[in-house]
Every structure is written in structure tokens, then in C-alpha cells.
Amino acid sequence: MNQPSLLLLSMALAHTASAALVFQADFNGTGSGTGGASDMVTLGGTGQFTGTSSSSNVYSSISSSTPLTTGGGNYLSLDDQGQSSSYSPTGAGFSPNSAASSFDSWYTDNGTSGFDTLNGGVDFFFRSTDVALSTNQFRFLALYGISGSDGLRFNLLSNNGALRFEFLTGSSSAVSVGASSGILNLSANTTYHIASTMETDGSTGLITVKLFLAEGNTAIDTSSNTYLIASATSSSALDDGSTDTITQSFNSANGFTFGQYYNDNADTKVTDLDQFRIYDSIPAEFSAIPEPETLALNFGSIALLAAFGLKRRARSIK
């Protein structure tokens, strides 16, 4: 196989590997709600600031003053001025284009023919001037899809110095599972990569949730335990295959907030967030934030390889 063909094959494989990415926010734009490359959400929907007000004393903005990674760009910044004591859903309000580009893409309702399943992943980058992680201080995500007893819900939050990823359903099926890390001694003003996955065993219907944490602009291999800080499996299935107790998913297609947290009145802090991504299945890797110079090098290398392959082919024809 000649060099250009190898190049095209490798590009096709790379495209296939990234096909599970259904929603991405890299906060490049102003939060105008238009979506696209010039707005905070670049794939799968739109985004706007939410919850910013004088009553909450938490203010959202897009900043570029101190990127979370070398050569990085804009990011979401949440400034808690510590003058209130209430749960404050402040940050980015995301509106996915459809269920397929939201957390609802994780869910498959198999009716009475088999177990319902949840499979997917989410990741983002995080930095704070205060990383004490007190009870519910940071509630990065809180999805409330339960209406009565037939929906799904999950939270990704801090809990008494630890990080916790928890999933639960309504009372009709009463499935719940939570994975909590031990006490985390994180460093202030340091970038961390946080990722979570949810996977269903097709033969038992049991759900396993995992939580990963890596320092710096570091890729996370989901098949490795290197950055795994918590894991747990449910004791019961979402649906037993003979009944259909779940009739809705997380309801995230109607919008959700990223960055919400409880602000305590004595604790001033600035929380920065970047590169929020939803995958409709578990990716082999949660990648690092690509740096502009790396991208330029890759494109240059592709052009050089293509030219080299064509030159070799021309010589062989002679």
C-alpha cells in the first residue's frame, strides 16, 4: 500500500474513533447562544451564561487571561464572591440540538425484550483557587430527569473532600449506585482532567460507574486504572427485561447547567472550566486539550507525508 493510501486509512480510523463525541464546549466565543466555532459550544448544540446575578454573588464569564493549558484558549470562569449561602446553579446553560447530542444518548430503552442500558462518558478540565472540596461546594453537573418515578438522574459533585459520581432512578425501579474517591489533596491553581463513565453489563443489566482524575493536560485511558479514583456497580438492573419501568431518560435534551455549585458565604474562590465533552459510548481515551502548535505540526506532517508519497510514486513510474 502506498504512502497516500496509508495516510487516508489512518485519517479514516481517527475519524471513526472520534465519532462517539456528540457534544463539545470549548468556550471559544462569547456565549451568544448561536453555537458553532465562534461560540462557547462548538458541537451538538448551543450555550449561554446562566444564573449570573447580584443575588447569587457568583458571576460567569469567558476568559483567556490564564489558559488552563499551555497554548490553550478561552475557558469558562466562575467568580464566587462568597457573600451568599445557597445552592447556585451558575455557569453555562447548554441546549443540545437533540437527545442524540445530550446525556440522553447514553440510554437505550429495550422495553420488555431485555435490560435497559446506559453507556457513555463525560469529561472536562477544572482549576480552582480553592480546592478544599467541602460538602457540595462544587456540583459540576446535576441532571434531574425524574418525573414521578420513571426517570433517571445523576450528579457529579464534591462530597466532604472527595469527588463523587452518583446515579439513581425513581422509586418504581429504585436503582442507585455511587462511586466516591477518598479525600483528595488537590493543589490550588492547578489544572485537573476529570472524567466519568457509565457502562451496563448486557447479560445482567447491572450498571458500573467510574470516576477518573489526572493532573495537568493529561489524556485518560479508560481501559487503565492509572487515573481511576473510584468505581462502583449497582446491585440491581435498570429494568429486569419483563417490565418497562423507565419511560424517560435524563431529560438533558431540554437543557442543563454545567458549573453549578453551592457557594458558602465565607469562601471566595474562582473556578475555571474548559473542554466539556459528552460521548454516546465509552471512548478508548479522554484526550488532552489539543495545543494550537501541535495541530499545526500535525497538518504540516500530513502535507509532508503526502508529498513524499507522491514523489516516491513518481520515481517508481519512471
C-alpha atoms as a PDB file:
ATOM      1  CA  MET A   1       0.000   0.000   0.000  1.00  0.00           C
ATOM      2  CA  ASN A   2       1.471   3.397  -0.967  1.00  0.00           C
ATOM      3  CA  GLN A   3       2.029   6.267   1.442  1.00  0.00           C
ATOM      4  CA  PRO A   4      -1.054   8.347   0.475  1.00  0.00           C
ATOM      5  CA  SER A   5      -3.283   5.283   0.925  1.00  0.00           C
ATOM      6  CA  LEU A   6      -1.828   4.640   4.365  1.00  0.00           C
ATOM      7  CA  LEU A   7      -2.396   8.265   5.225  1.00  0.00           C
ATOM      8  CA  LEU A   8      -6.039   8.167   4.121  1.00  0.00           C
ATOM      9  CA  LEU A   9      -6.602   4.951   6.079  1.00  0.00           C
ATOM     10  CA  SER A  10      -5.124   6.413   9.252  1.00  0.00           C
ATOM     11  CA  MET A  11      -7.266   9.536   8.884  1.00  0.00           C
ATOM     12  CA  ALA A  12     -10.373   7.378   8.389  1.00  0.00           C
ATOM     13  CA  LEU A  13      -9.574   5.345  11.501  1.00  0.00           C
ATOM     14  CA  ALA A  14      -9.046   8.540  13.513  1.00  0.00           C
ATOM     15  CA  HIS A  15     -12.405   9.825  12.323  1.00  0.00           C
ATOM     16  CA  THR A  16     -14.106   6.568  13.347  1.00  0.00           C
ATOM     17  CA  ALA A  17     -12.519   6.695  16.794  1.00  0.00           C
ATOM     18  CA  SER A  18     -13.872  10.192  17.423  1.00  0.00           C
ATOM     19  CA  ALA A  19     -17.371   9.503  16.047  1.00  0.00           C
ATOM     20  CA  ALA A  20     -18.816   8.947  19.545  1.00  0.00           C
ATOM     21  CA  LEU A  21     -18.251  12.611  20.501  1.00  0.00           C
ATOM     22  CA  VAL A  22     -21.748  14.148  20.406  1.00  0.00           C
ATOM     23  CA  PHE A  23     -21.391  17.402  22.365  1.00  0.00           C
ATOM     24  CA  GLN A  24     -18.409  19.693  22.925  1.00  0.00           C
ATOM     25  CA  ALA A  25     -17.957  23.092  24.537  1.00  0.00           C
ATOM     26  CA  ASP A  26     -14.543  24.735  24.394  1.00  0.00           C
ATOM     27  CA  PHE A  27     -15.776  28.262  25.242  1.00  0.00           C
ATOM     28  CA  ASN A  28     -14.113  29.931  22.280  1.00  0.00           C
ATOM     29  CA  GLY A  29     -16.865  32.501  21.797  1.00  0.00           C
ATOM     30  CA  THR A  30     -18.955  34.890  23.804  1.00  0.00           C
ATOM     31  CA  GLY A  31     -21.879  32.729  24.862  1.00  0.00           C
ATOM     32  CA  SER A  32     -24.283  34.361  22.441  1.00  0.00           C
ATOM     33  CA  GLY A  33     -26.307  31.182  22.060  1.00  0.00           C
ATOM     34  CA  THR A  34     -25.575  30.755  18.366  1.00  0.00           C
ATOM     35  CA  GLY A  35     -23.420  27.633  18.590  1.00  0.00           C
ATOM     36  CA  GLY A  36     -20.568  26.814  16.240  1.00  0.00           C
ATOM     37  CA  ALA A  37     -16.877  27.634  16.153  1.00  0.00           C
ATOM     38  CA  SER A  38     -17.388  31.242  17.299  1.00  0.00           C
ATOM     39  CA  ASP A  39     -19.498  30.394  20.350  1.00  0.00           C
ATOM     40  CA  MET A  40     -18.970  28.500  23.635  1.00  0.00           C
ATOM     41  CA  VAL A  41     -20.449  25.267  22.203  1.00  0.00           C
ATOM     42  CA  THR A  42     -18.734  24.036  19.045  1.00  0.00           C
ATOM     43  CA  LEU A  43     -20.557  20.731  18.535  1.00  0.00           C
ATOM     44  CA  GLY A  44     -24.025  19.401  19.281  1.00  0.00           C
ATOM     45  CA  GLY A  45     -25.907  22.466  20.499  1.00  0.00           C
ATOM     46  CA  THR A  46     -25.655  25.980  21.874  1.00  0.00           C
ATOM     47  CA  GLY A  47     -24.696  27.609  25.166  1.00  0.00           C
ATOM     48  CA  GLN A  48     -25.356  30.748  27.159  1.00  0.00           C
ATOM     49  CA  PHE A  49     -24.472  32.042  30.609  1.00  0.00           C
ATOM     50  CA  THR A  50     -26.959  31.120  33.293  1.00  0.00           C
ATOM     51  CA  GLY A  51     -27.568  32.019  36.927  1.00  0.00           C
ATOM     52  CA  THR A  52     -25.303  35.085  37.000  1.00  0.00           C
ATOM     53  CA  SER A  53     -26.869  37.732  39.224  1.00  0.00           C
ATOM     54  CA  SER A  54     -26.158  40.001  42.151  1.00  0.00           C
ATOM     55  CA  SER A  55     -28.379  37.839  44.370  1.00  0.00           C
ATOM     56  CA  SER A  56     -26.289  34.708  43.806  1.00  0.00           C
ATOM     57  CA  ASN A  57     -22.945  36.524  44.104  1.00  0.00           C
ATOM     58  CA  VAL A  58     -21.476  34.136  41.532  1.00  0.00           C
ATOM     59  CA  TYR A  59     -20.541  35.601  38.157  1.00  0.00           C
ATOM     60  CA  SER A  60     -19.876  33.729  34.909  1.00  0.00           C
ATOM     61  CA  SER A  61     -17.610  34.926  32.135  1.00  0.00           C
ATOM     62  CA  ILE A  62     -15.416  33.642  29.330  1.00  0.00           C
ATOM     63  CA  SER A  63     -11.772  34.491  29.908  1.00  0.00           C
ATOM     64  CA  SER A  64      -8.451  33.983  28.152  1.00  0.00           C
ATOM     65  CA  SER A  65      -6.117  35.616  30.690  1.00  0.00           C
ATOM     66  CA  THR A  66      -4.604  32.420  32.144  1.00  0.00           C
ATOM     67  CA  PRO A  67      -5.451  29.370  29.957  1.00  0.00           C
ATOM     68  CA  LEU A  68      -5.747  26.018  31.685  1.00  0.00           C
ATOM     69  CA  THR A  69      -3.127  24.519  29.344  1.00  0.00           C
ATOM     70  CA  THR A  70      -0.022  25.784  27.567  1.00  0.00           C
ATOM     71  CA  GLY A  71      -1.131  27.445  24.373  1.00  0.00           C
ATOM     72  CA  GLY A  72      -4.772  26.979  25.362  1.00  0.00           C
ATOM     73  CA  GLY A  73      -7.506  29.478  24.609  1.00  0.00           C
ATOM     74  CA  ASN A  74     -10.692  30.695  26.222  1.00  0.00           C
ATOM     75  CA  TYR A  75     -12.326  28.997  29.195  1.00  0.00           C
ATOM     76  CA  LEU A  76     -15.375  29.380  31.452  1.00  0.00           C
ATOM     77  CA  SER A  77     -14.634  31.271  34.671  1.00  0.00           C
ATOM     78  CA  LEU A  78     -16.947  31.328  37.727  1.00  0.00           C
ATOM     79  CA  ASP A  79     -16.234  34.011  40.309  1.00  0.00           C
ATOM     80  CA  ASP A  80     -17.811  33.256  43.704  1.00  0.00           C
ATOM     81  CA  GLN A  81     -17.613  36.383  45.840  1.00  0.00           C
ATOM     82  CA  GLY A  82     -18.608  34.459  48.949  1.00  0.00           C
ATOM     83  CA  GLN A  83     -21.440  36.661  50.148  1.00  0.00           C
ATOM     84  CA  SER A  84     -24.268  34.167  49.985  1.00  0.00           C
ATOM     85  CA  SER A  85     -25.066  30.735  51.379  1.00  0.00           C
ATOM     86  CA  SER A  86     -27.249  28.911  48.897  1.00  0.00           C
ATOM     87  CA  TYR A  87     -27.206  26.420  46.061  1.00  0.00           C
ATOM     88  CA  SER A  88     -26.411  28.449  42.955  1.00  0.00           C
ATOM     89  CA  PRO A  89     -26.870  26.841  39.509  1.00  0.00           C
ATOM     90  CA  THR A  90     -24.450  29.213  37.830  1.00  0.00           C
ATOM     91  CA  GLY A  91     -22.248  28.695  34.798  1.00  0.00           C
ATOM     92  CA  ALA A  92     -23.010  27.601  31.260  1.00  0.00           C
ATOM     93  CA  GLY A  93     -26.534  26.693  30.280  1.00  0.00           C
ATOM     94  CA  PHE A  94     -26.283  24.144  27.480  1.00  0.00           C
ATOM     95  CA  SER A  95     -29.043  23.378  24.970  1.00  0.00           C
ATOM     96  CA  PRO A  96     -28.294  20.210  22.959  1.00  0.00           C
ATOM     97  CA  ASN A  97     -29.669  20.007  19.426  1.00  0.00           C
ATOM     98  CA  SER A  98     -31.430  16.737  20.227  1.00  0.00           C
ATOM     99  CA  ALA A  99     -31.448  13.769  22.588  1.00  0.00           C
ATOM    100  CA  ALA A 100     -28.716  12.235  20.430  1.00  0.00           C
ATOM    101  CA  SER A 101     -26.316  15.062  21.320  1.00  0.00           C
ATOM    102  CA  SER A 102     -27.082  15.034  25.057  1.00  0.00           C
ATOM    103  CA  PHE A 103     -26.717  12.686  28.027  1.00  0.00           C
ATOM    104  CA  ASP A 104     -29.898  11.015  26.797  1.00  0.00           C
ATOM    105  CA  SER A 105     -27.706   9.403  24.119  1.00  0.00           C
ATOM    106  CA  TRP A 106     -26.366   7.120  26.871  1.00  0.00           C
ATOM    107  CA  TYR A 107     -29.755   5.484  27.392  1.00  0.00           C
ATOM    108  CA  THR A 108     -31.329   2.655  25.396  1.00  0.00           C
ATOM    109  CA  ASP A 109     -34.859   1.584  26.287  1.00  0.00           C
ATOM    110  CA  ASN A 110     -35.257  -2.069  25.348  1.00  0.00           C
ATOM    111  CA  GLY A 111     -38.846  -2.270  26.549  1.00  0.00           C
ATOM    112  CA  THR A 112     -39.756  -5.749  27.730  1.00  0.00           C
ATOM    113  CA  SER A 113     -37.309  -7.517  25.419  1.00  0.00           C
ATOM    114  CA  GLY A 114     -34.218  -7.015  27.565  1.00  0.00           C
ATOM    115  CA  PHE A 115     -32.387  -4.861  30.049  1.00  0.00           C
ATOM    116  CA  ASP A 116     -32.376  -1.117  29.533  1.00  0.00           C
ATOM    117  CA  THR A 117     -28.804   0.111  29.208  1.00  0.00           C
ATOM    118  CA  LEU A 118     -26.693   3.171  29.992  1.00  0.00           C
ATOM    119  CA  ASN A 119     -23.352   3.559  28.241  1.00  0.00           C
ATOM    120  CA  GLY A 120     -21.396   6.774  27.834  1.00  0.00           C
ATOM    121  CA  GLY A 121     -18.752   9.159  29.078  1.00  0.00           C
ATOM    122  CA  VAL A 122     -18.249  12.798  30.006  1.00  0.00           C
ATOM    123  CA  ASP A 123     -15.093  14.787  30.732  1.00  0.00           C
ATOM    124  CA  PHE A 124     -13.826  18.321  31.321  1.00  0.00           C
ATOM    125  CA  PHE A 125     -10.874  20.258  32.718  1.00  0.00           C
ATOM    126  CA  PHE A 126     -11.002  22.045  36.076  1.00  0.00           C
ATOM    127  CA  ARG A 127      -8.951  24.531  38.090  1.00  0.00           C
ATOM    128  CA  SER A 128      -9.744  26.491  41.246  1.00  0.00           C
ATOM    129  CA  THR A 129      -8.179  28.957  43.619  1.00  0.00           C
ATOM    130  CA  ASP A 130      -9.723  26.869  46.413  1.00  0.00           C
ATOM    131  CA  VAL A 131      -9.854  23.083  46.144  1.00  0.00           C
ATOM    132  CA  ALA A 132     -10.974  22.140  49.643  1.00  0.00           C
ATOM    133  CA  LEU A 133     -13.930  20.279  48.055  1.00  0.00           C
ATOM    134  CA  SER A 134     -16.226  20.761  51.030  1.00  0.00           C
ATOM    135  CA  THR A 135     -19.707  19.225  51.041  1.00  0.00           C
ATOM    136  CA  ASN A 136     -21.439  20.034  47.744  1.00  0.00           C
ATOM    137  CA  GLN A 137     -19.140  23.015  47.205  1.00  0.00           C
ATOM    138  CA  PHE A 138     -18.743  22.034  43.568  1.00  0.00           C
ATOM    139  CA  ARG A 139     -21.683  20.425  41.819  1.00  0.00           C
ATOM    140  CA  PHE A 140     -20.350  20.338  38.295  1.00  0.00           C
ATOM    141  CA  LEU A 141     -23.370  18.505  36.924  1.00  0.00           C
ATOM    142  CA  ALA A 142     -26.809  17.751  38.340  1.00  0.00           C
ATOM    143  CA  LEU A 143     -29.315  16.166  35.971  1.00  0.00           C
ATOM    144  CA  TYR A 144     -32.844  15.762  37.250  1.00  0.00           C
ATOM    145  CA  GLY A 145     -34.770  13.682  34.723  1.00  0.00           C
ATOM    146  CA  ILE A 146     -37.047  12.093  37.304  1.00  0.00           C
ATOM    147  CA  SER A 147     -40.700  12.965  36.824  1.00  0.00           C
ATOM    148  CA  GLY A 148     -42.657  10.950  39.341  1.00  0.00           C
ATOM    149  CA  SER A 149     -40.789   7.662  39.427  1.00  0.00           C
ATOM    150  CA  ASP A 150     -39.917   6.744  35.861  1.00  0.00           C
ATOM    151  CA  GLY A 151     -36.863   8.860  35.010  1.00  0.00           C
ATOM    152  CA  LEU A 152     -33.106   8.938  35.550  1.00  0.00           C
ATOM    153  CA  ARG A 153     -30.809  11.265  37.454  1.00  0.00           C
ATOM    154  CA  PHE A 154     -27.117  11.684  38.124  1.00  0.00           C
ATOM    155  CA  ASN A 155     -24.799  14.082  39.931  1.00  0.00           C
ATOM    156  CA  LEU A 156     -21.095  14.799  39.667  1.00  0.00           C
ATOM    157  CA  LEU A 157     -20.076  16.714  42.766  1.00  0.00           C
ATOM    158  CA  SER A 158     -17.676  17.167  45.655  1.00  0.00           C
ATOM    159  CA  ASN A 159     -18.513  15.415  48.910  1.00  0.00           C
ATOM    160  CA  ASN A 160     -16.599  16.024  52.151  1.00  0.00           C
ATOM    161  CA  GLY A 161     -13.236  16.394  50.474  1.00  0.00           C
ATOM    162  CA  ALA A 162     -13.867  13.748  47.810  1.00  0.00           C
ATOM    163  CA  LEU A 163     -15.308  13.631  44.311  1.00  0.00           C
ATOM    164  CA  ARG A 164     -18.475  11.593  43.770  1.00  0.00           C
ATOM    165  CA  PHE A 165     -20.357  10.370  40.701  1.00  0.00           C
ATOM    166  CA  GLU A 166     -23.814   9.039  41.544  1.00  0.00           C
ATOM    167  CA  PHE A 167     -26.735   7.657  39.553  1.00  0.00           C
ATOM    168  CA  LEU A 168     -30.277   6.897  40.665  1.00  0.00           C
ATOM    169  CA  THR A 169     -33.749   6.269  39.329  1.00  0.00           C
ATOM    170  CA  GLY A 170     -37.280   6.857  40.536  1.00  0.00           C
ATOM    171  CA  SER A 171     -38.886   4.755  43.246  1.00  0.00           C
ATOM    172  CA  SER A 172     -40.552   2.332  40.840  1.00  0.00           C
ATOM    173  CA  SER A 173     -37.224   0.735  39.949  1.00  0.00           C
ATOM    174  CA  ALA A 174     -35.112   2.034  42.829  1.00  0.00           C
ATOM    175  CA  VAL A 175     -31.702   1.560  41.218  1.00  0.00           C
ATOM    176  CA  SER A 176     -28.865   3.609  42.647  1.00  0.00           C
ATOM    177  CA  VAL A 177     -25.090   3.468  42.543  1.00  0.00           C
ATOM    178  CA  GLY A 178     -22.416   5.937  43.561  1.00  0.00           C
ATOM    179  CA  ALA A 179     -18.645   5.998  43.252  1.00  0.00           C
ATOM    180  CA  SER A 180     -16.679   8.211  45.669  1.00  0.00           C
ATOM    181  CA  SER A 181     -12.966   8.834  45.798  1.00  0.00           C
ATOM    182  CA  GLY A 182     -11.034   9.121  49.004  1.00  0.00           C
ATOM    183  CA  ILE A 183     -10.070  12.533  50.358  1.00  0.00           C
ATOM    184  CA  LEU A 184      -8.311  14.402  47.563  1.00  0.00           C
ATOM    185  CA  ASN A 185      -5.436  16.714  48.381  1.00  0.00           C
ATOM    186  CA  LEU A 186      -5.648  18.805  45.251  1.00  0.00           C
ATOM    187  CA  SER A 187      -3.473  21.838  44.641  1.00  0.00           C
ATOM    188  CA  ALA A 188      -4.867  25.304  44.112  1.00  0.00           C
ATOM    189  CA  ASN A 189      -4.413  26.930  40.694  1.00  0.00           C
ATOM    190  CA  THR A 190      -3.579  23.560  39.150  1.00  0.00           C
ATOM    191  CA  THR A 191      -5.359  22.071  36.150  1.00  0.00           C
ATOM    192  CA  TYR A 192      -7.042  18.674  36.536  1.00  0.00           C
ATOM    193  CA  HIS A 193      -8.745  16.425  33.987  1.00  0.00           C
ATOM    194  CA  ILE A 194     -11.968  14.883  35.355  1.00  0.00           C
ATOM    195  CA  ALA A 195     -13.845  12.106  33.531  1.00  0.00           C
ATOM    196  CA  SER A 196     -16.754   9.784  34.313  1.00  0.00           C
ATOM    197  CA  THR A 197     -18.172   6.737  32.568  1.00  0.00           C
ATOM    198  CA  MET A 198     -21.303   4.643  32.885  1.00  0.00           C
ATOM    199  CA  GLU A 199     -21.489   1.095  31.479  1.00  0.00           C
ATOM    200  CA  THR A 200     -24.184  -1.598  31.552  1.00  0.00           C
ATOM    201  CA  ASP A 201     -23.475  -5.332  31.566  1.00  0.00           C
ATOM    202  CA  GLY A 202     -25.755  -6.651  28.827  1.00  0.00           C
ATOM    203  CA  SER A 203     -26.129 -10.065  30.468  1.00  0.00           C
ATOM    204  CA  THR A 204     -27.094  -8.827  33.955  1.00  0.00           C
ATOM    205  CA  GLY A 205     -28.267  -5.259  33.441  1.00  0.00           C
ATOM    206  CA  LEU A 206     -26.001  -4.079  36.272  1.00  0.00           C
ATOM    207  CA  ILE A 207     -24.530  -0.593  35.885  1.00  0.00           C
ATOM    208  CA  THR A 208     -20.919   0.306  36.647  1.00  0.00           C
ATOM    209  CA  VAL A 209     -19.905   3.916  37.168  1.00  0.00           C
ATOM    210  CA  LYS A 210     -16.271   5.065  37.158  1.00  0.00           C
ATOM    211  CA  LEU A 211     -14.554   8.305  38.053  1.00  0.00           C
ATOM    212  CA  PHE A 212     -11.121   9.354  36.759  1.00  0.00           C
ATOM    213  CA  LEU A 213      -8.804  12.203  37.742  1.00  0.00           C
ATOM    214  CA  ALA A 214      -5.485  13.226  36.175  1.00  0.00           C
ATOM    215  CA  GLU A 215      -3.316  16.229  36.940  1.00  0.00           C
ATOM    216  CA  GLY A 216      -2.455  18.571  34.082  1.00  0.00           C
ATOM    217  CA  ASN A 217      -3.368  18.378  30.417  1.00  0.00           C
ATOM    218  CA  THR A 218      -3.240  14.599  30.520  1.00  0.00           C
ATOM    219  CA  ALA A 219      -5.105  12.046  28.401  1.00  0.00           C
ATOM    220  CA  ILE A 220      -7.066   9.373  30.312  1.00  0.00           C
ATOM    221  CA  ASP A 221      -7.053   5.778  29.058  1.00  0.00           C
ATOM    222  CA  THR A 222     -10.398   4.269  30.103  1.00  0.00           C
ATOM    223  CA  SER A 223      -9.031   0.697  29.956  1.00  0.00           C
ATOM    224  CA  SER A 224      -6.338   1.503  32.519  1.00  0.00           C
ATOM    225  CA  ASN A 225      -6.566   2.050  36.274  1.00  0.00           C
ATOM    226  CA  THR A 226      -3.789   4.647  36.238  1.00  0.00           C
ATOM    227  CA  TYR A 227      -6.136   7.578  36.811  1.00  0.00           C
ATOM    228  CA  LEU A 228      -9.148   5.676  38.182  1.00  0.00           C
ATOM    229  CA  ILE A 229     -10.088   7.100  41.590  1.00  0.00           C
ATOM    230  CA  ALA A 230     -13.476   5.433  42.161  1.00  0.00           C
ATOM    231  CA  SER A 231     -15.659   2.655  40.778  1.00  0.00           C
ATOM    232  CA  ALA A 232     -18.931   1.019  41.838  1.00  0.00           C
ATOM    233  CA  THR A 233     -21.529  -1.370  40.400  1.00  0.00           C
ATOM    234  CA  SER A 234     -25.265  -1.354  41.080  1.00  0.00           C
ATOM    235  CA  SER A 235     -26.865  -4.280  42.903  1.00  0.00           C
ATOM    236  CA  SER A 236     -29.892  -4.349  40.619  1.00  0.00           C
ATOM    237  CA  ALA A 237     -30.661  -3.778  36.951  1.00  0.00           C
ATOM    238  CA  LEU A 238     -32.321  -0.745  35.445  1.00  0.00           C
ATOM    239  CA  ASP A 239     -35.141  -2.926  34.065  1.00  0.00           C
ATOM    240  CA  ASP A 240     -35.434  -6.667  34.552  1.00  0.00           C
ATOM    241  CA  GLY A 241     -36.491  -7.344  30.978  1.00  0.00           C
ATOM    242  CA  SER A 242     -40.046  -8.383  31.886  1.00  0.00           C
ATOM    243  CA  THR A 243     -41.329  -4.930  32.799  1.00  0.00           C
ATOM    244  CA  ASP A 244     -40.746  -1.438  31.453  1.00  0.00           C
ATOM    245  CA  THR A 245     -40.459   0.818  34.488  1.00  0.00           C
ATOM    246  CA  ILE A 246     -38.316   3.549  32.914  1.00  0.00           C
ATOM    247  CA  THR A 247     -40.117   5.665  30.337  1.00  0.00           C
ATOM    248  CA  GLN A 248     -37.778   8.655  30.100  1.00  0.00           C
ATOM    249  CA  SER A 249     -34.064   9.381  30.330  1.00  0.00           C
ATOM    250  CA  PHE A 250     -32.140  12.239  31.986  1.00  0.00           C
ATOM    251  CA  ASN A 251     -34.226  14.862  30.152  1.00  0.00           C
ATOM    252  CA  SER A 252     -30.960  16.614  29.295  1.00  0.00           C
ATOM    253  CA  ALA A 253     -32.085  17.311  25.727  1.00  0.00           C
ATOM    254  CA  ASN A 254     -34.193  20.118  27.211  1.00  0.00           C
ATOM    255  CA  GLY A 255     -31.061  21.775  28.586  1.00  0.00           C
ATOM    256  CA  PHE A 256     -28.775  21.507  31.605  1.00  0.00           C
ATOM    257  CA  THR A 257     -26.246  23.602  33.518  1.00  0.00           C
ATOM    258  CA  PHE A 258     -22.517  22.941  33.739  1.00  0.00           C
ATOM    259  CA  GLY A 259     -20.511  24.522  36.556  1.00  0.00           C
ATOM    260  CA  GLN A 260     -23.219  24.904  39.196  1.00  0.00           C
ATOM    261  CA  TYR A 261     -22.186  24.728  42.814  1.00  0.00           C
ATOM    262  CA  TYR A 262     -23.050  25.618  46.374  1.00  0.00           C
ATOM    263  CA  ASN A 263     -21.449  28.893  47.396  1.00  0.00           C
ATOM    264  CA  ASP A 264     -20.638  29.272  51.064  1.00  0.00           C
ATOM    265  CA  ASN A 265     -20.647  32.801  52.421  1.00  0.00           C
ATOM    266  CA  ALA A 266     -17.088  32.839  53.796  1.00  0.00           C
ATOM    267  CA  ASP A 267     -15.290  31.118  50.971  1.00  0.00           C
ATOM    268  CA  THR A 268     -14.353  33.292  47.991  1.00  0.00           C
ATOM    269  CA  LYS A 269     -12.984  31.407  45.014  1.00  0.00           C
ATOM    270  CA  VAL A 270     -12.620  31.404  41.254  1.00  0.00           C
ATOM    271  CA  THR A 271     -13.336  28.178  39.390  1.00  0.00           C
ATOM    272  CA  ASP A 272     -12.199  27.737  35.776  1.00  0.00           C
ATOM    273  CA  LEU A 273     -13.569  25.051  33.444  1.00  0.00           C
ATOM    274  CA  ASP A 274     -12.687  24.041  29.902  1.00  0.00           C
ATOM    275  CA  GLN A 275     -13.271  21.451  27.153  1.00  0.00           C
ATOM    276  CA  PHE A 276     -16.576  19.887  28.248  1.00  0.00           C
ATOM    277  CA  ARG A 277     -17.380  16.777  26.180  1.00  0.00           C
ATOM    278  CA  ILE A 278     -20.152  14.143  26.034  1.00  0.00           C
ATOM    279  CA  TYR A 279     -19.638  10.770  24.322  1.00  0.00           C
ATOM    280  CA  ASP A 280     -22.533   8.446  23.433  1.00  0.00           C
ATOM    281  CA  SER A 281     -20.397   5.442  24.346  1.00  0.00           C
ATOM    282  CA  ILE A 282     -17.257   4.993  26.404  1.00  0.00           C
ATOM    283  CA  PRO A 283     -14.254   6.304  24.445  1.00  0.00           C
ATOM    284  CA  ALA A 284     -10.979   4.404  24.496  1.00  0.00           C
ATOM    285  CA  GLU A 285      -9.400   7.641  25.671  1.00  0.00           C
ATOM    286  CA  PHE A 286     -10.470  11.012  27.002  1.00  0.00           C
ATOM    287  CA  SER A 287      -7.950  13.090  25.111  1.00  0.00           C
ATOM    288  CA  ALA A 288      -5.921  16.045  26.319  1.00  0.00           C
ATOM    289  CA  ILE A 289      -6.768  19.542  25.106  1.00  0.00           C
ATOM    290  CA  PRO A 290      -5.001  19.906  21.743  1.00  0.00           C
ATOM    291  CA  GLU A 291      -2.492  22.725  21.635  1.00  0.00           C
ATOM    292  CA  PRO A 292      -2.510  25.016  18.580  1.00  0.00           C
ATOM    293  CA  GLU A 293       1.145  24.399  17.718  1.00  0.00           C
ATOM    294  CA  THR A 294       0.573  20.633  17.883  1.00  0.00           C
ATOM    295  CA  LEU A 295      -2.320  20.898  15.465  1.00  0.00           C
ATOM    296  CA  ALA A 296      -0.200  22.955  13.085  1.00  0.00           C
ATOM    297  CA  LEU A 297       2.587  20.382  13.251  1.00  0.00           C
ATOM    298  CA  ASN A 298       0.156  17.555  12.519  1.00  0.00           C
ATOM    299  CA  PHE A 299      -1.242  19.275   9.452  1.00  0.00           C
ATOM    300  CA  GLY A 300       2.307  20.055   8.274  1.00  0.00           C
ATOM    301  CA  SER A 301       3.322  16.445   8.789  1.00  0.00           C
ATOM    302  CA  ILE A 302       0.331  15.214   6.792  1.00  0.00           C
ATOM    303  CA  ALA A 303       1.225  17.515   3.897  1.00  0.00           C
ATOM    304  CA  LEU A 304       4.872  16.413   4.041  1.00  0.00           C
ATOM    305  CA  LEU A 305       3.963  12.715   4.088  1.00  0.00           C
ATOM    306  CA  ALA A 306       1.571  13.138   1.179  1.00  0.00           C
ATOM    307  CA  ALA A 307       4.186  14.990  -0.874  1.00  0.00           C
ATOM    308  CA  PHE A 308       6.823  12.391  -0.039  1.00  0.00           C
ATOM    309  CA  GLY A 309       4.499   9.541  -1.052  1.00  0.00           C
ATOM    310  CA  LEU A 310       3.635  11.183  -4.357  1.00  0.00           C
ATOM    311  CA  LYS A 311       7.315  11.799  -5.079  1.00  0.00           C
ATOM    312  CA  ARG A 312       8.177   8.157  -4.365  1.00  0.00           C
ATOM    313  CA  ARG A 313       5.366   7.041  -6.650  1.00  0.00           C
ATOM    314  CA  ALA A 314       6.547   9.323  -9.479  1.00  0.00           C
ATOM    315  CA  ARG A 315      10.046   7.859  -9.241  1.00  0.00           C
ATOM    316  CA  SER A 316       8.719   4.311  -9.389  1.00  0.00           C
ATOM    317  CA  ILE A 317       6.717   5.111 -12.566  1.00  0.00           C
ATOM    318  CA  LYS A 318       9.915   6.262 -14.305  1.00  0.00           C
END
